[in-house]
Amino acid sequence: MAPAAPPPQGGPPDRKLTVLLPADVLRQLRTRVAEDDTTMRALVLDALARAGYRVDAAEIRDRRRPESRDGERR
C-alpha cells in the first residue's frame, strides 16, 4: 500500500485501500455521499467507527474544504 497525504496534526500517513464492491452497493454509497455532501473516505470512516473500530473523530471530517471557526464547512 502506498502512503498518501499526511493526516491533520502530523499523525501517521494515510494508506490506500482498494476494494471491489457489488455495483449496487457502490451506487448506494455514491448516492449517500452526494446526499450528505461528504466524501467516500468520511462515509467509510464513519461506518467503521459505528461498527466499533477506533477512528479519531478528526479523521472522519470531510477534508475537501476547510472548516470555519463555527465548525461549518466553507
C-alpha atoms as a PDB file:
ATOM      1  CA  MET A   1       0.000   0.000   0.000  1.00  0.00           C
ATOM      2  CA  ALA A   2       1.323   3.422  -0.931  1.00  0.00           C
ATOM      3  CA  PRO A   3       1.340   6.267   1.609  1.00  0.00           C
ATOM      4  CA  ALA A   4      -0.960   9.187   0.910  1.00  0.00           C
ATOM      5  CA  ALA A   5      -1.166  12.718   2.244  1.00  0.00           C
ATOM      6  CA  PRO A   6      -0.406  13.034   5.954  1.00  0.00           C
ATOM      7  CA  PRO A   7      -3.477  13.452   8.153  1.00  0.00           C
ATOM      8  CA  PRO A   8      -4.075  16.624  10.188  1.00  0.00           C
ATOM      9  CA  GLN A   9      -1.868  17.272  13.240  1.00  0.00           C
ATOM     10  CA  GLY A  10       1.060  15.379  11.691  1.00  0.00           C
ATOM     11  CA  GLY A  11      -0.074  11.853  12.604  1.00  0.00           C
ATOM     12  CA  PRO A  12       0.989   8.775  10.648  1.00  0.00           C
ATOM     13  CA  PRO A  13       0.377   8.976   6.894  1.00  0.00           C
ATOM     14  CA  ASP A  14      -2.811   7.586   5.383  1.00  0.00           C
ATOM     15  CA  ARG A  15      -2.685   4.360   3.385  1.00  0.00           C
ATOM     16  CA  LYS A  16      -4.606   3.492   0.234  1.00  0.00           C
ATOM     17  CA  LEU A  17      -7.234   0.722   0.232  1.00  0.00           C
ATOM     18  CA  THR A  18      -8.742  -0.664  -2.957  1.00  0.00           C
ATOM     19  CA  VAL A  19     -11.961  -2.667  -2.618  1.00  0.00           C
ATOM     20  CA  LEU A  20     -14.144  -4.400  -5.195  1.00  0.00           C
ATOM     21  CA  LEU A  21     -17.822  -3.999  -4.307  1.00  0.00           C
ATOM     22  CA  PRO A  22     -21.062  -5.051  -5.982  1.00  0.00           C
ATOM     23  CA  ALA A  23     -22.230  -2.338  -8.412  1.00  0.00           C
ATOM     24  CA  ASP A  24     -25.465  -1.774  -6.468  1.00  0.00           C
ATOM     25  CA  VAL A  25     -23.584  -1.221  -3.194  1.00  0.00           C
ATOM     26  CA  LEU A  26     -21.265   1.276  -4.870  1.00  0.00           C
ATOM     27  CA  ARG A  27     -24.280   3.142  -6.314  1.00  0.00           C
ATOM     28  CA  GLN A  28     -25.791   3.338  -2.835  1.00  0.00           C
ATOM     29  CA  LEU A  29     -22.549   4.660  -1.379  1.00  0.00           C
ATOM     30  CA  ARG A  30     -22.222   7.298  -4.108  1.00  0.00           C
ATOM     31  CA  THR A  31     -25.841   8.345  -3.552  1.00  0.00           C
ATOM     32  CA  ARG A  32     -25.244   8.731   0.185  1.00  0.00           C
ATOM     33  CA  VAL A  33     -22.043  10.711  -0.432  1.00  0.00           C
ATOM     34  CA  ALA A  34     -23.988  13.123  -2.659  1.00  0.00           C
ATOM     35  CA  GLU A  35     -26.960  13.365  -0.270  1.00  0.00           C
ATOM     36  CA  ASP A  36     -24.731  14.026   2.729  1.00  0.00           C
ATOM     37  CA  ASP A  37     -22.340  16.325   0.792  1.00  0.00           C
ATOM     38  CA  THR A  38     -19.367  14.391   2.114  1.00  0.00           C
ATOM     39  CA  THR A  39     -16.589  12.173   0.768  1.00  0.00           C
ATOM     40  CA  MET A  40     -16.375   8.416   0.365  1.00  0.00           C
ATOM     41  CA  ARG A  41     -13.477   8.461   2.840  1.00  0.00           C
ATOM     42  CA  ALA A  42     -15.540  10.245   5.505  1.00  0.00           C
ATOM     43  CA  LEU A  43     -18.529   7.946   4.900  1.00  0.00           C
ATOM     44  CA  VAL A  44     -16.431   4.774   5.225  1.00  0.00           C
ATOM     45  CA  LEU A  45     -14.542   6.006   8.307  1.00  0.00           C
ATOM     46  CA  ASP A  46     -17.832   6.944   9.976  1.00  0.00           C
ATOM     47  CA  ALA A  47     -19.259   3.480   9.223  1.00  0.00           C
ATOM     48  CA  LEU A  48     -16.128   1.829  10.625  1.00  0.00           C
ATOM     49  CA  ALA A  49     -16.354   3.945  13.790  1.00  0.00           C
ATOM     50  CA  ARG A  50     -20.026   2.988  14.221  1.00  0.00           C
ATOM     51  CA  ALA A  51     -19.042  -0.675  13.786  1.00  0.00           C
ATOM     52  CA  GLY A  52     -16.714  -0.362  16.770  1.00  0.00           C
ATOM     53  CA  TYR A  53     -13.342   0.392  15.171  1.00  0.00           C
ATOM     54  CA  ARG A  54     -11.205   3.090  16.798  1.00  0.00           C
ATOM     55  CA  VAL A  55     -11.321   6.070  14.443  1.00  0.00           C
ATOM     56  CA  ASP A  56     -10.310   9.549  15.601  1.00  0.00           C
ATOM     57  CA  ALA A  57     -13.254  11.914  15.054  1.00  0.00           C
ATOM     58  CA  ALA A  58     -10.901  14.415  13.397  1.00  0.00           C
ATOM     59  CA  GLU A  59     -10.190  11.816  10.687  1.00  0.00           C
ATOM     60  CA  ILE A  60     -13.886  11.415   9.820  1.00  0.00           C
ATOM     61  CA  ARG A  61     -14.402  15.025   8.784  1.00  0.00           C
ATOM     62  CA  ASP A  62     -14.552  15.970   5.109  1.00  0.00           C
ATOM     63  CA  ARG A  63     -11.058  17.226   4.195  1.00  0.00           C
ATOM     64  CA  ARG A  64     -12.088  18.757   0.847  1.00  0.00           C
ATOM     65  CA  ARG A  65     -12.778  22.175   2.330  1.00  0.00           C
ATOM     66  CA  PRO A  66     -11.512  23.837   5.491  1.00  0.00           C
ATOM     67  CA  GLU A  67     -13.916  24.382   8.356  1.00  0.00           C
ATOM     68  CA  SER A  68     -14.760  27.856   9.562  1.00  0.00           C
ATOM     69  CA  ARG A  69     -14.433  28.862  13.203  1.00  0.00           C
ATOM     70  CA  ASP A  70     -18.063  27.877  13.907  1.00  0.00           C
ATOM     71  CA  GLY A  71     -17.432  24.326  12.630  1.00  0.00           C
ATOM     72  CA  GLU A  72     -19.242  24.744   9.314  1.00  0.00           C
ATOM     73  CA  ARG A  73     -17.539  23.951   6.024  1.00  0.00           C
ATOM     74  CA  ARG A  74     -16.944  26.924   3.765  1.00  0.00           C
END
